[in-house]
């Protein structure tokens, strides 16, 4: 599958993204412990609590600590809601309160989207002498939500470290917008340039300057900023949507179409272009989407959340995405980040609930459905996944992605003939396959090879290398098969050696090199590489079996039997298990030619 399509995030320059990575906050950092009495929980009417944590009740100490330890375990395995439930129970039953307990509840409140309750837990932690991450930012977001723009600005000015180094100037700008001070908002954004590396104007600045100009009715200036954004960093789905709608409002529909087309041949472009066509037909123009201070702040939080997610900082990404949806409920881009963060943390049910809620009119809906189908398959709901992908393939007969993913699902379930057919249908939708399509040929080649259609498999692997010659997965797979078939041995060894050079810690690829040396009669060299492969992938039955064969050939019979026995314990497929059992009984008569 085109992974670039599946991981597109808000456009940021390398410098901005590097800063974001350096400033990523490990939210699980514990607060310093301090003893004290649990303050009373107070929440505004209608807000969402973390659970009742006041009014201690009589309970046995073992019950109290049992709840705490259960919460700790739930947190460790990624079950945030359960962890909150147990921690709240521990506090309610009279656990001697510590800043650490309330710190955990505060952090979980952020990642579970319970900002009101998180703030209560934060207040209690701080009263006990603790310090926590993102405190001023969290309180500023709440102030923005409540329309207390001056308070938000004060809080943000007091917090210049971590993520706030990037976010604060932008959020202050939107606080100024909320106070009807456009000049002050633009000034806050302009000051960012002096603190940026090499005095660059970042995509984050350009986007929000454009949005504020647009909201102020300065359409020319807004257009200039959008144009700079595209030239400096390219367009993300979200920035293309915002710029295109800006152009539509100026009656520049053809230019808007070009902005959408800059996204390439993906579904996002089609969805945006179809919406444009529908508005042309109805003679309407899109309203300004980011038309309040809260929506502008949500846009900024979403942008940085995307950057955090791209660096696998899923907790920070989830916290920021939840802050964004606090300010702008039903904000599809932020919901996508939150869903992807859940997905990274193996919380597929939570991720799917968010993906399923993305409205069809959103340019993110297509990607959401692809992720939903993938998750369903991994949850053993394969029929549902197949139905979604089949329906998507019929809805948009020019797009290959659903068929590629359908082939992946079928290959995962060893339906190799059907998988090859799906990949073939996908390739028919691609007029001229380019470098980025090497993976489709590779995947179809694997399906053909597993279906015993070797000539077709070999042709696909060679085609994949023709499109992208430096792909270690293809070099390894084809090289290994050639060696196993006794074909093109010198070329095959060279290909695998190149793959090992690119991925020196990949046990499967190192195994291929060892097996190639074995097949060419270099048994000492094979042992050296296969011992290393077993160190890298100790639980792989095939690699252990290969090492056993090589050890036998150099006279290390006892060690060979040990490796074969290890391989059997790993429950290999029946064919390999039978071969190993035979070797344990009779040994190896002679080296393979």
Protein backbone atom coordinates (compact mmCIF):
# COMPACT_ATOMS: atom_id res chain seq x y z
CA UNK A 1 0.00 0.00 0.00
CA UNK A 2 1.08 3.55 -0.60
CA UNK A 3 2.30 4.28 2.93
CA UNK A 4 2.86 7.93 2.17
CA UNK A 5 -0.87 8.22 1.56
CA UNK A 6 -1.63 6.58 4.90
CA UNK A 7 0.72 8.73 6.98
CA UNK A 8 0.18 12.19 5.58
CA UNK A 9 0.30 14.74 8.43
CA UNK A 10 0.20 18.49 8.76
CA UNK A 11 3.04 20.10 6.80
CA UNK A 12 5.96 21.14 8.99
CA UNK A 13 9.51 22.03 7.99
CA UNK A 14 12.28 19.73 9.14
CA UNK A 15 13.38 22.39 11.59
CA UNK A 16 9.97 22.69 13.19
CA UNK A 17 9.49 18.93 13.33
CA UNK A 18 12.94 18.49 14.87
CA UNK A 19 12.08 21.00 17.57
CA UNK A 20 8.78 19.22 18.16
CA UNK A 21 10.62 15.94 18.64
CA UNK A 22 13.08 17.45 21.10
CA UNK A 23 10.24 18.98 23.05
CA UNK A 24 8.07 15.87 23.18
CA UNK A 25 6.84 15.48 26.74
CA UNK A 26 6.84 11.98 28.25
CA UNK A 27 3.44 12.30 29.90
CA UNK A 28 4.00 9.29 32.11
CA UNK A 29 6.78 11.10 34.02
CA UNK A 30 5.81 10.70 37.68
CA UNK A 31 5.33 13.71 39.91
CA UNK A 32 7.39 13.93 43.08
CA UNK A 33 5.54 12.18 45.89
CA UNK A 34 4.11 14.16 48.77
CA UNK A 35 1.72 13.11 51.52
CA UNK A 36 -1.49 14.89 52.37
CA UNK A 37 -5.24 14.75 52.64
CA UNK A 38 -7.39 14.38 49.54
CA UNK A 39 -9.01 17.71 48.63
CA UNK A 40 -12.65 17.70 47.63
CA UNK A 41 -13.43 17.24 43.94
CA UNK A 42 -15.37 20.14 42.46
CA UNK A 43 -16.59 20.20 38.88
CA UNK A 44 -18.79 22.58 36.92
CA UNK A 45 -22.26 21.24 36.15
CA UNK A 46 -22.40 18.95 33.13
CA UNK A 47 -18.67 18.21 32.98
CA UNK A 48 -17.00 14.81 32.84
CA UNK A 49 -15.26 13.60 35.98
CA UNK A 50 -12.52 11.05 36.33
CA UNK A 51 -14.66 9.31 38.92
CA UNK A 52 -15.67 10.21 42.46
CA UNK A 53 -12.45 10.82 44.34
CA UNK A 54 -13.73 12.63 47.44
CA UNK A 55 -15.63 11.49 50.54
CA UNK A 56 -13.41 8.58 51.64
CA UNK A 57 -15.31 5.55 52.90
CA UNK A 58 -14.31 2.86 55.35
CA UNK A 59 -12.40 0.12 53.57
CA UNK A 60 -9.83 -2.52 54.37
CA UNK A 61 -6.24 -1.48 53.48
CA UNK A 62 -5.92 -4.50 51.21
CA UNK A 63 -8.95 -3.35 49.22
CA UNK A 64 -7.49 0.14 48.85
CA UNK A 65 -4.10 -1.00 47.67
CA UNK A 66 -5.69 -3.65 45.51
CA UNK A 67 -7.52 -0.92 43.61
CA UNK A 68 -4.34 1.11 43.28
CA UNK A 69 -2.31 -1.85 42.00
CA UNK A 70 -5.12 -2.84 39.64
CA UNK A 71 -5.09 0.71 38.29
CA UNK A 72 -1.33 0.59 37.88
CA UNK A 73 -1.63 -2.69 35.95
CA UNK A 74 -4.44 -1.36 33.75
CA UNK A 75 -2.33 1.70 32.98
CA UNK A 76 0.68 -0.48 32.11
CA UNK A 77 -1.32 -2.55 29.61
CA UNK A 78 -2.86 0.54 28.01
CA UNK A 79 -6.38 0.37 29.47
CA UNK A 80 -6.77 4.02 30.45
CA UNK A 81 -10.48 3.94 31.32
CA UNK A 82 -10.00 0.97 33.68
CA UNK A 83 -6.95 2.60 35.25
CA UNK A 84 -8.95 5.74 36.00
CA UNK A 85 -11.76 3.67 37.47
CA UNK A 86 -9.42 1.84 39.85
CA UNK A 87 -7.45 4.94 40.86
CA UNK A 88 -10.66 6.81 41.62
CA UNK A 89 -11.85 3.86 43.71
CA UNK A 90 -8.57 3.84 45.64
CA UNK A 91 -8.89 7.55 46.40
CA UNK A 92 -12.56 7.17 47.33
CA UNK A 93 -11.77 4.35 49.76
CA UNK A 94 -9.28 6.52 51.62
CA UNK A 95 -5.89 5.76 50.10
CA UNK A 96 -3.34 8.06 51.71
CA UNK A 97 -3.21 10.63 48.98
CA UNK A 98 0.00 11.31 47.11
CA UNK A 99 0.88 13.65 44.31
CA UNK A 100 1.82 10.57 42.29
CA UNK A 101 -1.73 9.17 42.41
CA UNK A 102 -3.28 12.43 41.26
CA UNK A 103 -0.55 12.88 38.68
CA UNK A 104 -1.51 9.56 37.13
CA UNK A 105 -5.16 10.55 37.15
CA UNK A 106 -4.35 13.92 35.58
CA UNK A 107 -2.31 12.36 32.77
CA UNK A 108 -4.92 9.70 32.10
CA UNK A 109 -7.57 12.42 32.08
CA UNK A 110 -5.68 14.13 29.27
CA UNK A 111 -5.21 10.99 27.20
CA UNK A 112 -8.78 9.82 27.77
CA UNK A 113 -10.27 13.20 26.80
CA UNK A 114 -11.60 14.06 30.27
CA UNK A 115 -10.15 17.53 30.60
CA UNK A 116 -12.41 18.73 33.41
CA UNK A 117 -11.55 15.81 35.65
CA UNK A 118 -7.88 16.07 34.68
CA UNK A 119 -7.82 19.65 35.94
CA UNK A 120 -9.35 18.61 39.27
CA UNK A 121 -6.69 15.91 39.69
CA UNK A 122 -4.01 18.43 38.71
CA UNK A 123 -5.17 20.89 41.37
CA UNK A 124 -5.04 18.17 43.98
CA UNK A 125 -1.57 17.01 42.89
CA UNK A 126 -0.21 20.55 43.07
CA UNK A 127 -1.72 21.11 46.52
CA UNK A 128 0.32 18.11 47.61
CA UNK A 129 3.50 19.67 46.25
CA UNK A 130 3.71 17.93 42.89
CA UNK A 131 4.63 19.20 39.47
CA UNK A 132 3.17 17.86 36.25
CA UNK A 133 3.68 18.23 32.46
CA UNK A 134 1.58 20.51 30.24
CA UNK A 135 -0.11 22.19 33.22
CA UNK A 136 -0.23 25.75 31.93
CA UNK A 137 -1.19 24.57 28.46
CA UNK A 138 -4.03 22.45 29.84
CA UNK A 139 -5.37 25.34 31.90
CA UNK A 140 -4.99 27.73 28.95
CA UNK A 141 -7.02 25.40 26.73
CA UNK A 142 -9.76 25.35 29.34
CA UNK A 143 -9.66 29.16 29.52
CA UNK A 144 -9.92 29.38 25.73
CA UNK A 145 -12.85 26.98 25.82
CA UNK A 146 -14.60 29.20 28.37
CA UNK A 147 -13.85 32.38 26.42
CA UNK A 148 -11.47 33.71 29.09
CA UNK A 149 -8.95 34.90 26.53
CA UNK A 150 -6.98 37.20 28.80
CA UNK A 151 -6.51 34.39 31.34
CA UNK A 152 -5.42 32.04 28.57
CA UNK A 153 -2.85 34.53 27.33
CA UNK A 154 -1.45 35.05 30.83
CA UNK A 155 -1.08 31.31 31.36
CA UNK A 156 0.62 30.82 28.00
CA UNK A 157 3.08 33.64 28.59
CA UNK A 158 4.13 31.97 31.84
CA UNK A 159 4.89 28.71 30.00
CA UNK A 160 7.73 28.98 27.49
CA UNK A 161 9.21 25.50 27.74
CA UNK A 162 8.56 22.15 26.08
CA UNK A 163 5.81 21.94 23.51
CA UNK A 164 4.62 25.40 24.56
CA UNK A 165 7.72 26.90 22.95
CA UNK A 166 6.03 26.14 19.64
CA UNK A 167 2.38 26.31 20.62
CA UNK A 168 2.20 29.32 22.93
CA UNK A 169 2.80 32.07 20.32
CA UNK A 170 0.09 30.59 18.10
CA UNK A 171 -2.39 30.12 20.92
CA UNK A 172 -1.66 33.62 22.17
CA UNK A 173 -2.41 34.86 18.66
CA UNK A 174 -5.82 33.19 18.76
CA UNK A 175 -6.42 34.57 22.25
CA UNK A 176 -5.83 38.00 20.72
CA UNK A 177 -8.32 37.16 17.98
CA UNK A 178 -10.81 36.31 20.70
CA UNK A 179 -10.19 39.77 22.16
CA UNK A 180 -10.79 41.37 18.71
CA UNK A 181 -7.12 42.36 18.38
CA UNK A 182 -5.99 41.22 14.93
CA UNK A 183 -2.83 43.35 15.02
CA UNK A 184 -1.80 41.78 18.33
CA UNK A 185 -2.48 38.31 16.93
CA UNK A 186 -0.28 38.89 13.90
CA UNK A 187 2.43 40.39 16.08
CA UNK A 188 2.52 37.25 18.21
CA UNK A 189 3.00 35.12 15.10
CA UNK A 190 5.64 37.45 13.65
CA UNK A 191 7.71 37.17 16.83
CA UNK A 192 8.08 33.43 16.21
CA UNK A 193 10.51 34.07 13.35
CA UNK A 194 13.18 35.45 15.68
CA UNK A 195 13.17 32.24 17.77
CA UNK A 196 13.07 29.84 14.83
CA UNK A 197 16.18 28.12 13.56
CA UNK A 198 17.88 30.25 10.88
CA UNK A 199 15.09 32.80 11.24
CA UNK A 200 12.78 30.70 9.09
CA UNK A 201 9.06 31.26 8.85
CA UNK A 202 7.56 27.86 9.65
CA UNK A 203 4.54 26.28 7.98
CA UNK A 204 2.73 26.58 11.32
CA UNK A 205 3.23 30.36 11.23
CA UNK A 206 2.25 30.67 7.59
CA UNK A 207 -0.94 28.65 8.02
CA UNK A 208 -2.17 30.54 11.08
CA UNK A 209 -1.20 33.92 9.68
CA UNK A 210 -3.26 33.06 6.60
CA UNK A 211 -6.22 31.95 8.72
CA UNK A 212 -6.15 35.12 10.83
CA UNK A 213 -5.85 37.35 7.77
CA UNK A 214 -8.77 35.47 6.20
CA UNK A 215 -10.93 35.90 9.28
CA UNK A 216 -10.08 39.62 9.34
CA UNK A 217 -11.23 40.01 5.73
CA UNK A 218 -7.72 40.57 4.36
CA UNK A 219 -8.07 38.06 1.56
CA UNK A 220 -5.07 39.17 -0.49
CA UNK A 221 -2.70 38.84 2.45
CA UNK A 222 -4.24 35.49 3.37
CA UNK A 223 -3.71 34.21 -0.16
CA UNK A 224 -0.06 35.27 -0.10
CA UNK A 225 0.51 33.28 3.09
CA UNK A 226 -1.21 30.20 1.69
CA UNK A 227 0.90 30.45 -1.46
CA UNK A 228 4.09 30.68 0.62
CA UNK A 229 2.95 27.66 2.58
CA UNK A 230 2.57 25.54 -0.54
CA UNK A 231 5.92 26.68 -1.94
CA UNK A 232 7.84 26.09 1.28
CA UNK A 233 6.40 22.85 2.57
CA UNK A 234 3.75 21.57 0.20
CA UNK A 235 0.15 21.04 1.20
CA UNK A 236 -1.27 18.60 3.66
CA UNK A 237 -4.86 17.44 3.23
CA UNK A 238 -6.01 19.96 5.80
CA UNK A 239 -4.09 22.96 4.45
CA UNK A 240 -5.22 22.14 0.90
CA UNK A 241 -8.81 22.09 2.13
CA UNK A 242 -8.45 25.45 3.89
CA UNK A 243 -6.68 27.15 1.00
CA UNK A 244 -9.03 25.72 -1.60
CA UNK A 245 -12.05 26.98 0.29
CA UNK A 246 -10.42 30.40 0.63
CA UNK A 247 -9.97 30.50 -3.16
CA UNK A 248 -13.56 29.38 -3.73
CA UNK A 249 -14.82 32.27 -1.61
CA UNK A 250 -12.94 34.64 -3.93
CA UNK A 251 -14.61 33.13 -6.98
CA UNK A 252 -11.37 31.42 -8.04
CA UNK A 253 -12.76 27.93 -8.47
CA UNK A 254 -10.17 26.83 -11.02
CA UNK A 255 -7.33 27.80 -8.68
CA UNK A 256 -9.11 25.96 -5.88
CA UNK A 257 -9.29 22.87 -8.05
CA UNK A 258 -5.51 23.12 -8.60
CA UNK A 259 -4.95 23.30 -4.84
CA UNK A 260 -6.95 20.11 -4.39
CA UNK A 261 -5.21 18.42 -7.31
CA UNK A 262 -1.85 19.10 -5.62
CA UNK A 263 -2.76 16.20 -3.31
CA UNK A 264 -2.25 13.77 -6.20
CA UNK A 265 -4.52 10.95 -7.24
CA UNK A 266 -5.74 10.01 -3.80
CA UNK A 267 -9.31 9.97 -2.54
CA UNK A 268 -8.84 13.21 -0.61
CA UNK A 269 -8.48 15.12 -3.86
CA UNK A 270 -11.61 13.50 -5.26
CA UNK A 271 -13.66 14.26 -2.15
CA UNK A 272 -12.59 17.92 -2.11
CA UNK A 273 -13.11 18.29 -5.85
CA UNK A 274 -16.56 16.70 -5.64
CA UNK A 275 -17.53 19.11 -2.88
CA UNK A 276 -16.35 21.99 -5.08
CA UNK A 277 -18.41 20.68 -7.98
CA UNK A 278 -21.50 20.37 -5.77
CA UNK A 279 -21.11 23.98 -4.61
CA UNK A 280 -20.71 25.17 -8.19
CA UNK A 281 -23.92 23.37 -9.10
CA UNK A 282 -25.82 24.88 -6.18
CA UNK A 283 -24.15 28.28 -6.68
CA UNK A 284 -22.91 28.41 -3.09
CA UNK A 285 -19.52 29.10 -1.58
CA UNK A 286 -18.00 27.58 1.52
CA UNK A 287 -18.06 29.65 4.70
CA UNK A 288 -14.88 30.39 6.62
CA UNK A 289 -14.18 27.18 8.49
CA UNK A 290 -11.85 28.56 11.18
CA UNK A 291 -14.09 31.42 12.28
CA UNK A 292 -13.52 31.55 16.06
CA UNK A 293 -10.56 31.77 18.41
CA UNK A 294 -11.40 28.31 19.72
CA UNK A 295 -11.32 26.76 16.25
CA UNK A 296 -8.03 28.47 15.48
CA UNK A 297 -6.47 27.15 18.69
CA UNK A 298 -7.82 23.68 17.89
CA UNK A 299 -6.13 23.89 14.49
CA UNK A 300 -2.78 24.63 16.15
CA UNK A 301 -3.13 21.80 18.67
CA UNK A 302 -4.02 19.40 15.87
CA UNK A 303 -0.96 20.42 13.84
CA UNK A 304 1.47 19.71 16.66
CA UNK A 305 -0.39 16.54 17.63
CA UNK A 306 0.21 15.31 14.07
CA UNK A 307 3.93 16.00 14.43
CA UNK A 308 4.04 14.14 17.75
CA UNK A 309 2.25 11.15 16.23
CA UNK A 310 4.72 11.05 13.34
CA UNK A 311 7.46 10.54 15.95
CA UNK A 312 5.50 7.79 17.75
CA UNK A 313 4.92 10.02 20.79
CA UNK A 314 1.37 8.71 21.00
CA UNK A 315 0.60 9.95 24.53
CA UNK A 316 1.52 13.55 23.71
CA UNK A 317 -0.32 13.29 20.39
CA UNK A 318 -3.44 11.94 22.09
CA UNK A 319 -3.41 14.61 24.81
CA UNK A 320 -3.07 17.43 22.26
CA UNK A 321 -5.69 15.94 19.94
CA UNK A 322 -8.12 15.69 22.87
CA UNK A 323 -7.45 19.33 23.73
CA UNK A 324 -8.24 20.21 20.12
CA UNK A 325 -11.57 18.39 20.23
CA UNK A 326 -12.31 20.03 23.58
CA UNK A 327 -12.15 23.35 21.78
CA UNK A 328 -13.81 22.06 18.63
CA UNK A 329 -15.96 18.95 19.07
CA UNK A 330 -16.37 16.75 15.98
CA UNK A 331 -13.10 18.11 14.54
CA UNK A 332 -12.30 15.31 12.09
CA UNK A 333 -8.55 15.97 11.66
CA UNK A 334 -7.95 15.84 15.42
CA UNK A 335 -10.16 12.77 15.73
CA UNK A 336 -7.97 11.06 13.11
CA UNK A 337 -4.86 11.78 15.19
CA UNK A 338 -6.54 10.48 18.35
CA UNK A 339 -7.66 7.33 16.53
CA UNK A 340 -4.17 6.72 15.15
CA UNK A 341 -2.71 7.21 18.64
CA UNK A 342 -5.12 4.60 20.01
CA UNK A 343 -4.14 2.34 17.14
CA UNK A 344 -0.44 2.71 18.00
CA UNK A 345 -1.32 1.70 21.56
CA UNK A 346 -3.23 -1.40 20.34
CA UNK A 347 -6.58 0.04 21.46
CA UNK A 348 -8.26 -0.93 18.22
CA UNK A 349 -11.85 -0.77 19.48
CA UNK A 350 -11.37 2.83 20.64
CA UNK A 351 -9.64 3.70 17.38
CA UNK A 352 -12.43 2.18 15.33
CA UNK A 353 -15.11 4.14 17.18
CA UNK A 354 -13.38 7.36 16.13
CA UNK A 355 -12.71 6.21 12.56
CA UNK A 356 -16.34 5.17 12.10
CA UNK A 357 -17.54 8.58 13.28
CA UNK A 358 -15.62 10.56 10.63
CA UNK A 359 -18.32 12.02 8.35
CA UNK A 360 -18.35 10.94 4.71
CA UNK A 361 -18.02 14.55 3.54
CA UNK A 362 -14.65 14.88 5.30
CA UNK A 363 -11.57 14.40 3.11
CA UNK A 364 -10.28 12.19 5.93
CA UNK A 365 -13.18 9.73 5.65
CA UNK A 366 -11.56 7.51 3.01
CA UNK A 367 -8.39 7.04 5.04
CA UNK A 368 -10.47 6.44 8.16
CA UNK A 369 -12.31 3.59 6.45
CA UNK A 370 -9.05 2.01 5.28
CA UNK A 371 -7.73 2.06 8.84
CA UNK A 372 -11.05 0.75 10.14
CA UNK A 373 -10.90 -2.22 7.76
CA UNK A 374 -7.30 -3.00 8.72
CA UNK A 375 -8.16 -2.93 12.43
CA UNK A 376 -11.21 -5.11 11.96
CA UNK A 377 -9.11 -7.74 10.24
CA UNK A 378 -6.57 -7.66 13.08
CA UNK A 379 -9.49 -8.11 15.51
CA UNK A 380 -10.51 -11.31 13.65
CA UNK A 381 -13.48 -9.57 12.06
CA UNK A 382 -12.16 -10.32 8.59
CA UNK A 383 -15.54 -10.59 6.86
CA UNK A 384 -16.40 -7.04 7.97
CA UNK A 385 -13.02 -5.81 6.75
CA UNK A 386 -13.45 -7.48 3.37
CA UNK A 387 -16.95 -6.02 2.99
CA UNK A 388 -15.69 -2.49 3.67
CA UNK A 389 -12.79 -2.81 1.21
CA UNK A 390 -14.94 -4.40 -1.50
CA UNK A 391 -17.50 -1.63 -1.15
CA UNK A 392 -14.80 1.04 -1.30
CA UNK A 393 -13.31 -0.51 -4.44
CA UNK A 394 -16.71 -0.32 -6.14
CA UNK A 395 -17.40 3.25 -4.96
CA UNK A 396 -14.29 4.67 -6.59
CA UNK A 397 -13.28 2.45 -9.53
CA UNK A 398 -10.19 4.54 -10.32
CA UNK A 399 -8.51 4.11 -6.94
CA UNK A 400 -6.21 1.17 -6.21
CA UNK A 401 -5.83 1.44 -2.42
CA UNK A 402 -8.86 -0.67 -1.36
CA UNK A 403 -7.81 -3.50 -3.67
CA UNK A 404 -4.21 -3.36 -2.45
CA UNK A 405 -5.37 -3.57 1.14
CA UNK A 406 -7.80 -6.35 0.24
CA UNK A 407 -4.87 -8.27 -1.21
CA UNK A 408 -2.92 -7.68 2.00
CA UNK A 409 -5.81 -9.08 4.06
CA UNK A 410 -6.10 -12.14 1.82
CA UNK A 411 -2.34 -12.75 1.90
CA UNK A 412 -2.37 -12.46 5.70
CA UNK A 413 -4.93 -15.26 5.78
CA UNK A 414 -2.99 -17.40 3.27
CA UNK A 415 -5.55 -16.89 0.50
CA UNK A 416 -2.71 -16.42 -1.95
CA UNK A 417 -4.56 -16.99 -5.22
CA UNK A 418 -7.24 -14.43 -4.28
CA UNK A 419 -4.57 -12.01 -3.05
CA UNK A 420 -2.73 -12.14 -6.38
CA UNK A 421 -6.00 -11.44 -8.18
CA UNK A 422 -6.70 -8.42 -5.97
CA UNK A 423 -3.21 -7.00 -6.60
CA UNK A 424 -3.69 -7.54 -10.34
CA UNK A 425 -6.98 -5.61 -10.27
CA UNK A 426 -5.26 -2.84 -8.32
CA UNK A 427 -2.44 -2.57 -10.88
CA UNK A 428 -5.01 -2.24 -13.67
CA UNK A 429 -6.12 1.00 -11.98
CA UNK A 430 -2.60 2.46 -12.13
CA UNK A 431 -1.85 3.77 -15.61
CA UNK A 432 1.93 3.92 -15.27
CA UNK A 433 3.39 2.27 -12.18
CA UNK A 434 6.24 4.30 -10.72
CA UNK A 435 8.82 3.86 -8.00
CA UNK A 436 6.25 4.09 -5.22
CA UNK A 437 4.37 1.10 -6.66
CA UNK A 438 7.25 -1.36 -6.16
CA UNK A 439 5.44 -2.72 -3.09
CA UNK A 440 2.43 -3.89 -5.09
CA UNK A 441 4.62 -6.00 -7.38
CA UNK A 442 6.52 -7.33 -4.37
CA UNK A 443 3.30 -8.27 -2.56
CA UNK A 444 1.87 -9.95 -5.63
CA UNK A 445 5.18 -11.75 -6.12
CA UNK A 446 4.95 -13.15 -2.59
CA UNK A 447 1.37 -14.27 -3.25
CA UNK A 448 2.39 -15.94 -6.52
CA UNK A 449 5.36 -17.67 -4.87
CA UNK A 450 3.22 -18.99 -2.02
CA UNK A 451 0.69 -20.20 -4.61
CA UNK A 452 3.50 -22.13 -6.38
CA UNK A 453 3.43 -19.87 -9.44
CA UNK A 454 7.20 -19.35 -9.49
CA UNK A 455 7.68 -17.80 -12.98
CA UNK A 456 5.08 -15.12 -12.25
CA UNK A 457 6.57 -14.50 -8.80
CA UNK A 458 10.09 -14.10 -10.20
CA UNK A 459 8.85 -11.65 -12.84
CA UNK A 460 7.13 -9.52 -10.19
CA UNK A 461 10.18 -9.43 -7.92
CA UNK A 462 12.35 -8.33 -10.83
CA UNK A 463 9.78 -5.67 -11.76
CA UNK A 464 9.79 -4.40 -8.18
CA UNK A 465 13.59 -4.09 -8.30
CA UNK A 466 13.38 -2.37 -11.67
CA UNK A 467 11.12 0.28 -10.11
CA UNK A 468 13.14 0.60 -6.88
CA UNK A 469 16.49 -1.24 -6.93
CA UNK A 470 17.45 -0.56 -3.29
CA UNK A 471 14.63 -2.41 -1.52
CA UNK A 472 16.14 -4.84 1.01
CA UNK A 473 12.92 -6.85 1.37
CA UNK A 474 12.85 -7.63 -2.35
CA UNK A 475 16.60 -8.26 -2.60
CA UNK A 476 16.35 -10.69 0.29
CA UNK A 477 13.21 -12.51 -0.82
CA UNK A 478 14.29 -13.06 -4.42
CA UNK A 479 17.86 -13.84 -3.43
CA UNK A 480 16.72 -16.44 -0.90
CA UNK A 481 14.38 -18.10 -3.41
CA UNK A 482 17.09 -18.24 -6.07
CA UNK A 483 19.47 -19.85 -3.57
CA UNK A 484 16.82 -22.33 -2.45
CA UNK A 485 16.23 -23.23 -6.10
CA UNK A 486 19.98 -23.42 -6.81
CA UNK A 487 19.72 -20.61 -9.38
CA UNK A 488 21.89 -17.53 -10.00
CA UNK A 489 23.85 -18.23 -6.80
CA UNK A 490 26.50 -15.55 -7.15
CA UNK A 491 23.97 -12.87 -8.02
CA UNK A 492 21.66 -14.04 -5.25
CA UNK A 493 24.43 -13.87 -2.63
CA UNK A 494 25.34 -10.39 -3.79
CA UNK A 495 21.73 -9.26 -3.49
CA UNK A 496 21.38 -10.66 0.01
CA UNK A 497 24.71 -9.20 1.14
CA UNK A 498 23.46 -5.82 -0.05
CA UNK A 499 20.21 -6.32 1.91
CA UNK A 500 22.20 -7.21 5.04
CA UNK A 501 24.27 -4.07 4.62
CA UNK A 502 21.06 -2.00 4.59
CA UNK A 503 19.40 -3.94 7.45
CA UNK A 504 22.18 -5.45 9.55
CA UNK A 505 19.89 -6.19 12.51
CA UNK A 506 17.19 -8.02 10.56
CA UNK A 507 17.44 -11.67 11.58
CA UNK A 508 15.55 -12.98 8.57
CA UNK A 509 17.85 -11.22 6.11
CA UNK A 510 21.02 -12.33 7.95
CA UNK A 511 19.58 -15.87 7.88
CA UNK A 512 19.24 -15.63 4.10
CA UNK A 513 22.92 -14.76 3.81
CA UNK A 514 23.88 -17.65 6.06
CA UNK A 515 21.69 -20.05 4.12
CA UNK A 516 23.15 -18.83 0.86
CA UNK A 517 26.66 -19.54 2.14
CA UNK A 518 25.45 -22.98 3.25
CA UNK A 519 24.03 -23.78 -0.17
CA UNK A 520 27.29 -22.76 -1.84
CA UNK A 521 29.34 -25.01 0.49
CA UNK A 522 30.85 -22.36 2.78
CA UNK A 523 29.79 -24.08 6.02
CA UNK A 524 32.06 -22.15 8.43
CA UNK A 525 30.85 -18.87 6.92
CA UNK A 526 27.27 -20.13 7.16
CA UNK A 527 27.65 -20.94 10.87
CA UNK A 528 28.99 -17.46 11.59
CA UNK A 529 26.07 -15.71 9.89
CA UNK A 530 23.41 -18.11 11.17
CA UNK A 531 24.60 -17.80 14.77
CA UNK A 532 24.20 -14.05 14.39
CA UNK A 533 20.76 -14.52 12.81
CA UNK A 534 19.63 -16.64 15.79
CA UNK A 535 20.85 -13.93 18.18
CA UNK A 536 18.75 -11.39 16.26
CA UNK A 537 15.65 -13.62 15.93
CA UNK A 538 15.94 -16.32 18.62
CA UNK A 539 12.30 -17.46 18.36
CA UNK A 540 12.34 -18.19 14.60
CA UNK A 541 12.09 -21.93 13.96
CA UNK A 542 13.43 -21.76 10.39
CA UNK A 543 16.57 -19.87 11.44
CA UNK A 544 17.24 -22.31 14.29
CA UNK A 545 16.79 -25.21 11.87
CA UNK A 546 19.22 -23.65 9.39
CA UNK A 547 21.81 -23.16 12.13
CA UNK A 548 21.40 -26.82 13.12
CA UNK A 549 22.12 -27.89 9.55
CA UNK A 550 25.25 -25.73 9.34
CA UNK A 551 26.55 -26.90 12.72
CA UNK A 552 26.12 -30.52 11.62
CA UNK A 553 28.20 -29.90 8.50
CA UNK A 554 31.14 -28.54 10.51
CA UNK A 555 31.07 -31.49 12.91
CA UNK A 556 29.34 -29.80 15.87
CA UNK A 557 26.77 -32.59 16.07
CA UNK A 558 25.56 -32.09 19.64
CA UNK A 559 24.97 -28.38 19.06
CA UNK A 560 23.17 -29.19 15.81
CA UNK A 561 20.74 -31.48 17.59
CA UNK A 562 20.17 -28.84 20.24
CA UNK A 563 19.20 -26.27 17.57
CA UNK A 564 16.84 -28.71 15.85
CA UNK A 565 15.20 -29.52 19.18
CA UNK A 566 14.80 -25.80 19.86
CA UNK A 567 13.21 -25.35 16.45
CA UNK A 568 10.68 -28.11 17.19
CA UNK A 569 9.71 -26.48 20.49
CA UNK A 570 8.76 -23.37 18.48
CA UNK A 571 6.01 -25.37 16.73
CA UNK A 572 7.00 -24.87 13.08
CA UNK A 573 4.66 -25.73 10.23
CA UNK A 574 4.00 -29.48 9.79
CA UNK A 575 6.31 -29.90 6.79
CA UNK A 576 9.30 -28.37 8.58
CA UNK A 577 8.48 -30.22 11.81
CA UNK A 578 8.56 -33.56 9.95
CA UNK A 579 11.89 -32.70 8.31
CA UNK A 580 13.43 -31.74 11.66
CA UNK A 581 12.15 -34.92 13.31
CA UNK A 582 13.80 -36.95 10.55
CA UNK A 583 17.10 -35.12 11.06
CA UNK A 584 16.98 -35.76 14.78
CA UNK A 585 16.50 -39.43 14.04
CA UNK A 586 19.05 -39.89 11.25
CA UNK A 587 21.15 -36.74 11.04
CA UNK A 588 22.23 -35.21 7.74
CA UNK A 589 23.77 -37.71 5.36
CA UNK A 590 25.47 -35.15 3.15
CA UNK A 591 25.65 -31.47 2.44
CA UNK A 592 23.16 -30.00 0.04
CA UNK A 593 24.70 -29.37 -3.39
